PDB file of N, CA and C in Angstrom:
ATOM      1  N   MET A   1      50.340-169.527 -41.307  1.00  0.00           N
ATOM      2  CA  MET A   1      51.471-168.925 -41.963  1.00  0.00           C
ATOM      3  C   MET A   1      52.467-170.023 -42.326  1.00  0.00           C
ATOM      4  N   LEU A   2      53.062-169.888 -43.486  1.00  0.00           N
ATOM      5  CA  LEU A   2      54.024-170.874 -43.950  1.00  0.00           C
ATOM      6  C   LEU A   2      55.366-170.673 -43.249  1.00  0.00           C
ATOM      7  N   ASP A   3      56.062-171.777 -43.084  1.00  0.00           N
ATOM      8  CA  ASP A   3      57.396-171.655 -42.500  1.00  0.00           C
ATOM      9  C   ASP A   3      58.326-171.046 -43.559  1.00  0.00           C
ATOM     10  N   PRO A   4      59.453-170.506 -43.143  1.00  0.00           N
ATOM     11  CA  PRO A   4      60.359-169.815 -44.072  1.00  0.00           C
ATOM     12  C   PRO A   4      60.823-170.701 -45.240  1.00  0.00           C
ATOM     13  N   GLU A   5      61.050-171.982 -44.994  1.00  0.00           N
ATOM     14  CA  GLU A   5      61.509-172.863 -46.065  1.00  0.00           C
ATOM     15  C   GLU A   5      60.420-173.035 -47.129  1.00  0.00           C
ATOM     16  N   ALA A   6      59.172-173.161 -46.690  1.00  0.00           N
ATOM     17  CA  ALA A   6      58.056-173.293 -47.627  1.00  0.00           C
ATOM     18  C   ALA A   6      57.869-172.001 -48.421  1.00  0.00           C
ATOM     19  N   GLN A   7      58.074-170.881 -47.762  1.00  0.00           N
ATOM     20  CA  GLN A   7      57.973-169.601 -48.456  1.00  0.00           C
ATOM     21  C   GLN A   7      59.049-169.473 -49.533  1.00  0.00           C
ATOM     22  N   ILE A   8      60.246-169.899 -49.239  1.00  0.00           N
ATOM     23  CA  ILE A   8      61.346-169.840 -50.207  1.00  0.00           C
ATOM     24  C   ILE A   8      61.038-170.745 -51.395  1.00  0.00           C
ATOM     25  N   ILE A   9      60.533-171.936 -51.129  1.00  0.00           N
ATOM     26  CA  ILE A   9      60.185-172.864 -52.217  1.00  0.00           C
ATOM     27  C   ILE A   9      59.078-172.266 -53.078  1.00  0.00           C
ATOM     28  N   ASP A  10      58.091-171.643 -52.424  1.00  0.00           N
ATOM     29  CA  ASP A  10      57.009-171.002 -53.169  1.00  0.00           C
ATOM     30  C   ASP A  10      57.535-169.863 -54.040  1.00  0.00           C
ATOM     31  N   LEU A  11      58.414-169.050 -53.480  1.00  0.00           N
ATOM     32  CA  LEU A  11      58.995-167.950 -54.252  1.00  0.00           C
ATOM     33  C   LEU A  11      59.836-168.466 -55.418  1.00  0.00           C
ATOM     34  N   GLN A  12      60.578-169.546 -55.209  1.00  0.00           N
ATOM     35  CA  GLN A  12      61.384-170.119 -56.285  1.00  0.00           C
ATOM     36  C   GLN A  12      60.485-170.643 -57.413  1.00  0.00           C
ATOM     37  N   ALA A  13      59.375-171.250 -57.051  1.00  0.00           N
ATOM     38  CA  ALA A  13      58.445-171.754 -58.058  1.00  0.00           C
ATOM     39  C   ALA A  13      57.838-170.595 -58.851  1.00  0.00           C
ATOM     40  N   ARG A  14      57.453-169.545 -58.158  1.00  0.00           N
ATOM     41  CA  ARG A  14      56.908-168.378 -58.833  1.00  0.00           C
ATOM     42  C   ARG A  14      57.932-167.754 -59.777  1.00  0.00           C
ATOM     43  N   LEU A  15      59.163-167.684 -59.336  1.00  0.00           N
ATOM     44  CA  LEU A  15      60.224-167.121 -60.162  1.00  0.00           C
ATOM     45  C   LEU A  15      60.440-167.968 -61.415  1.00  0.00           C
ATOM     46  N   ALA A  16      60.391-169.268 -61.267  1.00  0.00           N
ATOM     47  CA  ALA A  16      60.568-170.153 -62.422  1.00  0.00           C
ATOM     48  C   ALA A  16      59.438-169.931 -63.436  1.00  0.00           C
ATOM     49  N   TYR A  17      58.200-169.802 -62.965  1.00  0.00           N
ATOM     50  CA  TYR A  17      57.074-169.553 -63.856  1.00  0.00           C
ATOM     51  C   TYR A  17      57.205-168.183 -64.532  1.00  0.00           C
ATOM     52  N   GLN A  18      57.648-167.195 -63.774  1.00  0.00           N
ATOM     53  CA  GLN A  18      57.816-165.858 -64.344  1.00  0.00           C
ATOM     54  C   GLN A  18      58.933-165.850 -65.385  1.00  0.00           C
ATOM     55  N   ASP A  19      60.017-166.564 -65.131  1.00  0.00           N
ATOM     56  CA  ASP A  19      61.100-166.664 -66.113  1.00  0.00           C
ATOM     57  C   ASP A  19      60.600-167.301 -67.402  1.00  0.00           C
ATOM     58  N   ASP A  20      59.812-168.364 -67.276  1.00  0.00           N
ATOM     59  CA  ASP A  20      59.266-169.035 -68.447  1.00  0.00           C
ATOM     60  C   ASP A  20      58.329-168.106 -69.224  1.00  0.00           C
ATOM     61  N   ALA A  21      57.477-167.414 -68.512  1.00  0.00           N
ATOM     62  CA  ALA A  21      56.544-166.487 -69.156  1.00  0.00           C
ATOM     63  C   ALA A  21      57.303-165.359 -69.850  1.00  0.00           C
ATOM     64  N   LEU A  22      58.353-164.867 -69.221  1.00  0.00           N
ATOM     65  CA  LEU A  22      59.155-163.803 -69.804  1.00  0.00           C
ATOM     66  C   LEU A  22      59.837-164.260 -71.090  1.00  0.00           C
ATOM     67  N   LEU A  23      60.350-165.464 -71.106  1.00  0.00           N
ATOM     68  CA  LEU A  23      60.977-166.009 -72.315  1.00  0.00           C
ATOM     69  C   LEU A  23      59.952-166.171 -73.443  1.00  0.00           C
ATOM     70  N   LYS A  24      58.767-166.649 -73.103  1.00  0.00           N
ATOM     71  CA  LYS A  24      57.717-166.800 -74.114  1.00  0.00           C
ATOM     72  C   LYS A  24      57.306-165.442 -74.684  1.00  0.00           C
ATOM     73  N   LEU A  25      57.147-164.454 -73.812  1.00  0.00           N
ATOM     74  CA  LEU A  25      56.776-163.115 -74.265  1.00  0.00           C
ATOM     75  C   LEU A  25      57.878-162.505 -75.128  1.00  0.00           C
ATOM     76  N   SER A  26      59.113-162.759 -74.772  1.00  0.00           N
ATOM     77  CA  SER A  26      60.230-162.256 -75.558  1.00  0.00           C
ATOM     78  C   SER A  26      60.236-162.865 -76.956  1.00  0.00           C
ATOM     79  N   ASP A  27      59.945-164.159 -77.051  1.00  0.00           N
ATOM     80  CA  ASP A  27      59.868-164.821 -78.356  1.00  0.00           C
ATOM     81  C   ASP A  27      58.734-164.241 -79.203  1.00  0.00           C
ATOM     82  N   VAL A  28      57.598-164.017 -78.572  1.00  0.00           N
ATOM     83  CA  VAL A  28      56.457-163.445 -79.292  1.00  0.00           C
ATOM     84  C   VAL A  28      56.806-162.038 -79.783  1.00  0.00           C
ATOM     85  N   LEU A  29      57.437-161.256 -78.934  1.00  0.00           N
ATOM     86  CA  LEU A  29      57.821-159.902 -79.301  1.00  0.00           C
ATOM     87  C   LEU A  29      58.803-159.904 -80.470  1.00  0.00           C
ATOM     88  N   ALA A  30      59.758-160.819 -80.463  1.00  0.00           N
ATOM     89  CA  ALA A  30      60.733-160.913 -81.559  1.00  0.00           C
ATOM     90  C   ALA A  30      60.031-161.277 -82.866  1.00  0.00           C
ATOM     91  N   ARG A  31      59.095-162.230 -82.821  1.00  0.00           N
ATOM     92  CA  ARG A  31      58.351-162.602 -84.033  1.00  0.00           C
ATOM     93  C   ARG A  31      57.508-161.436 -84.544  1.00  0.00           C
ATOM     94  N   GLN A  32      56.880-160.723 -83.635  1.00  0.00           N
ATOM     95  CA  GLN A  32      56.062-159.588 -84.039  1.00  0.00           C
ATOM     96  C   GLN A  32      56.922-158.497 -84.673  1.00  0.00           C
ATOM     97  N   GLN A  33      58.109-158.267 -84.134  1.00  0.00           N
ATOM     98  CA  GLN A  33      58.986-157.257 -84.716  1.00  0.00           C
ATOM     99  C   GLN A  33      59.428-157.668 -86.113  1.00  0.00           C
ATOM    100  N   GLN A  34      59.678-158.954 -86.315  1.00  0.00           N
ATOM    101  CA  GLN A  34      60.027-159.437 -87.654  1.00  0.00           C
ATOM    102  C   GLN A  34      58.871-159.207 -88.625  1.00  0.00           C
ATOM    103  N   GLN A  35      57.650-159.489 -88.169  1.00  0.00           N
ATOM    104  CA  GLN A  35      56.479-159.270 -89.015  1.00  0.00           C
ATOM    105  C   GLN A  35      56.307-157.793 -89.334  1.00  0.00           C
ATOM    106  N   ILE A  36      56.513-156.934 -88.351  1.00  0.00           N
ATOM    107  CA  ILE A  36      56.400-155.490 -88.569  1.00  0.00           C
ATOM    108  C   ILE A  36      57.431-155.046 -89.599  1.00  0.00           C
ATOM    109  N   ASP A  37      58.658-155.543 -89.483  1.00  0.00           N
ATOM    110  CA  ASP A  37      59.705-155.194 -90.439  1.00  0.00           C
ATOM    111  C   ASP A  37      59.342-155.653 -91.850  1.00  0.00           C
ATOM    112  N   GLN A  38      58.813-156.871 -91.974  1.00  0.00           N
ATOM    113  CA  GLN A  38      58.409-157.378 -93.285  1.00  0.00           C
ATOM    114  C   GLN A  38      57.272-156.544 -93.868  1.00  0.00           C
ATOM    115  N   LEU A  39      56.292-156.218 -93.046  1.00  0.00           N
ATOM    116  CA  LEU A  39      55.163-155.421 -93.514  1.00  0.00           C
ATOM    117  C   LEU A  39      55.598-154.010 -93.901  1.00  0.00           C
ATOM    118  N   THR A  40      56.514-153.446 -93.150  1.00  0.00           N
ATOM    119  CA  THR A  40      57.025-152.117 -93.472  1.00  0.00           C
ATOM    120  C   THR A  40      57.719-152.120 -94.828  1.00  0.00           C
ATOM    121  N   ARG A  41      58.531-153.154 -95.067  1.00  0.00           N
ATOM    122  CA  ARG A  41      59.201-153.260 -96.364  1.00  0.00           C
ATOM    123  C   ARG A  41      58.178-153.446 -97.487  1.00  0.00           C
ATOM    124  N   ALA A  42      57.162-154.261 -97.251  1.00  0.00           N
ATOM    125  CA  ALA A  42      56.140-154.514 -98.272  1.00  0.00           C
ATOM    126  C   ALA A  42      55.364-153.237 -98.587  1.00  0.00           C
ATOM    127  N   VAL A  43      54.991-152.483 -97.574  1.00  0.00           N
ATOM    128  CA  VAL A  43      54.246-151.238 -97.788  1.00  0.00           C
ATOM    129  C   VAL A  43      55.117-150.235 -98.538  1.00  0.00           C
ATOM    130  N   SER A  44      56.377-150.167 -98.191  1.00  0.00           N
ATOM    131  CA  SER A  44      57.285-149.258 -98.882  1.00  0.00           C
ATOM    132  C   SER A  44      57.416-149.635-100.352  1.00  0.00           C
ATOM    133  N   LYS A  45      57.565-150.923-100.609  1.00  0.00           N
ATOM    134  CA  LYS A  45      57.680-151.393-101.986  1.00  0.00           C
ATOM    135  C   LYS A  45      56.393-151.102-102.773  1.00  0.00           C
ATOM    136  N   LEU A  46      55.245-151.340-102.164  1.00  0.00           N
ATOM    137  CA  LEU A  46      53.969-151.051-102.818  1.00  0.00           C
ATOM    138  C   LEU A  46      53.823-149.552-103.096  1.00  0.00           C
ATOM    139  N   GLY A  47      54.260-148.733-102.159  1.00  0.00           N
ATOM    140  CA  GLY A  47      54.203-147.288-102.359  1.00  0.00           C
ATOM    141  C   GLY A  47      55.062-146.860-103.539  1.00  0.00           C
ATOM    142  N   GLU A  48      56.249-147.440-103.635  1.00  0.00           N
ATOM    143  CA  GLU A  48      57.127-147.123-104.760  1.00  0.00           C
ATOM    144  C   GLU A  48      56.500-147.575-106.080  1.00  0.00           C
ATOM    145  N   GLN A  49      55.906-148.769-106.091  1.00  0.00           N
ATOM    146  CA  GLN A  49      55.257-149.264-107.305  1.00  0.00           C
ATOM    147  C   GLN A  49      54.080-148.379-107.685  1.00  0.00           C
ATOM    148  N   TRP A  50      53.291-147.968-106.707  1.00  0.00           N
ATOM    149  CA  TRP A  50      52.140-147.110-106.963  1.00  0.00           C
ATOM    150  C   TRP A  50      52.600-145.780-107.546  1.00  0.00           C
ATOM    151  N   HIS A  51      53.637-145.200-106.937  1.00  0.00           N
ATOM    152  CA  HIS A  51      54.163-143.929-107.414  1.00  0.00           C
ATOM    153  C   HIS A  51      54.687-144.075-108.848  1.00  0.00           C
ATOM    154  N   SER A  52      55.370-145.162-109.116  1.00  0.00           N
ATOM    155  CA  SER A  52      55.898-145.419-110.449  1.00  0.00           C
ATOM    156  C   SER A  52      54.763-145.547-111.469  1.00  0.00           C
ATOM    157  N   LEU A  53      53.711-146.252-111.105  1.00  0.00           N
ATOM    158  CA  LEU A  53      52.558-146.409-112.005  1.00  0.00           C
ATOM    159  C   LEU A  53      51.872-145.067-112.266  1.00  0.00           C
ATOM    160  N   ARG A  54      51.772-144.251-111.239  1.00  0.00           N
ATOM    161  CA  ARG A  54      51.151-142.931-111.409  1.00  0.00           C
ATOM    162  C   ARG A  54      51.990-142.069-112.340  1.00  0.00           C
ATOM    163  N   LEU A  55      53.309-142.151-112.219  1.00  0.00           N
ATOM    164  CA  LEU A  55      54.178-141.378-113.100  1.00  0.00           C
ATOM    165  C   LEU A  55      54.041-141.857-114.542  1.00  0.00           C
ATOM    166  N   GLU A  56      53.968-143.163-114.715  1.00  0.00           N
ATOM    167  CA  GLU A  56      53.835-143.724-116.060  1.00  0.00           C
ATOM    168  C   GLU A  56      52.507-143.344-116.707  1.00  0.00           C
ATOM    169  N   SER A  57      51.460-143.249-115.905  1.00  0.00           N
ATOM    170  CA  SER A  57      50.136-142.949-116.464  1.00  0.00           C
ATOM    171  C   SER A  57      49.905-141.453-116.626  1.00  0.00           C
ATOM    172  N   GLY A  58      50.818-140.632-116.142  1.00  0.00           N
ATOM    173  CA  GLY A  58      50.654-139.185-116.246  1.00  0.00           C
ATOM    174  C   GLY A  58      49.694-138.623-115.230  1.00  0.00           C
ATOM    175  N   ALA A  59      49.362-139.374-114.217  1.00  0.00           N
ATOM    176  CA  ALA A  59      48.402-138.929-113.206  1.00  0.00           C
ATOM    177  C   ALA A  59      49.008-137.923-112.236  1.00  0.00           C
ATOM    178  N   GLU A  60      50.283-137.642-112.363  1.00  0.00           N
ATOM    179  CA  GLU A  60      50.941-136.713-111.443  1.00  0.00           C
ATOM    180  C   GLU A  60      50.826-135.264-111.900  1.00  0.00           C
ATOM    181  N   GLN A  61      49.984-135.000-112.879  1.00  0.00           N
ATOM    182  CA  GLN A  61      49.806-133.618-113.326  1.00  0.00           C
ATOM    183  C   GLN A  61      49.157-132.826-112.203  1.00  0.00           C
ATOM    184  N   ALA A  62      49.781-131.725-111.887  1.00  0.00           N
ATOM    185  CA  ALA A  62      49.275-130.910-110.774  1.00  0.00           C
ATOM    186  C   ALA A  62      48.052-130.122-111.214  1.00  0.00           C
ATOM    187  N   LEU A  63      47.058-130.103-110.354  1.00  0.00           N
ATOM    188  CA  LEU A  63      45.861-129.310-110.612  1.00  0.00           C
ATOM    189  C   LEU A  63      46.080-127.908-110.062  1.00  0.00           C
ATOM    190  N   ASP A  64      45.560-126.909-110.756  1.00  0.00           N
ATOM    191  CA  ASP A  64      45.618-125.560-110.229  1.00  0.00           C
ATOM    192  C   ASP A  64      44.766-125.499-108.968  1.00  0.00           C
ATOM    193  N   ALA A  65      45.052-124.542-108.119  1.00  0.00           N
ATOM    194  CA  ALA A  65      44.333-124.413-106.858  1.00  0.00           C
ATOM    195  C   ALA A  65      42.844-124.146-107.097  1.00  0.00           C
ATOM    196  N   ASP A  66      42.508-123.413-108.150  1.00  0.00           N
ATOM    197  CA  ASP A  66      41.107-123.065-108.422  1.00  0.00           C
ATOM    198  C   ASP A  66      40.400-124.122-109.277  1.00  0.00           C
ATOM    199  N   GLU A  67      41.127-125.013-109.865  1.00  0.00           N
ATOM    200  CA  GLU A  67      40.543-126.002-110.758  1.00  0.00           C
ATOM    201  C   GLU A  67      39.910-127.140-109.961  1.00  0.00           C
ATOM    202  N   LYS A  68      38.677-127.473-110.308  1.00  0.00           N
ATOM    203  CA  LYS A  68      37.986-128.557-109.626  1.00  0.00           C
ATOM    204  C   LYS A  68      38.391-129.879-110.285  1.00  0.00           C
ATOM    205  N   PRO A  69      38.497-130.933-109.511  1.00  0.00           N
ATOM    206  CA  PRO A  69      38.806-132.246-110.083  1.00  0.00           C
ATOM    207  C   PRO A  69      37.705-132.674-111.047  1.00  0.00           C
ATOM    208  N   PRO A  70      37.997-133.562-111.992  1.00  0.00           N
ATOM    209  CA  PRO A  70      37.020-133.942-113.004  1.00  0.00           C
ATOM    210  C   PRO A  70      35.747-134.588-112.462  1.00  0.00           C
ATOM    211  N   HIS A  71      35.742-135.116-111.268  1.00  0.00           N
ATOM    212  CA  HIS A  71      34.546-135.804-110.772  1.00  0.00           C
ATOM    213  C   HIS A  71      33.497-134.838-110.206  1.00  0.00           C
ATOM    214  N   TYR A  72      33.765-133.520-110.204  1.00  0.00           N
ATOM    215  CA  TYR A  72      32.778-132.563-109.714  1.00  0.00           C
ATOM    216  C   TYR A  72      31.849-132.141-110.783  1.00  0.00           C
TER     217      TYR A  72
END
């Protein structure tokens, strides 16, 4: 069994490693959130562009419930 002083030193070392790991994980999480935000904006912009193109092409014409799409 380790003496109390050795145990304290061991615990301090473990705490230092855990603090470092926590900081690294926090940095990774912040970068990932930035990427998610960028991707969300990009998908939203693409959706708006797609919707705009569909409106311009007249593809937004509603089909009747009984009408089959042209590919049938």
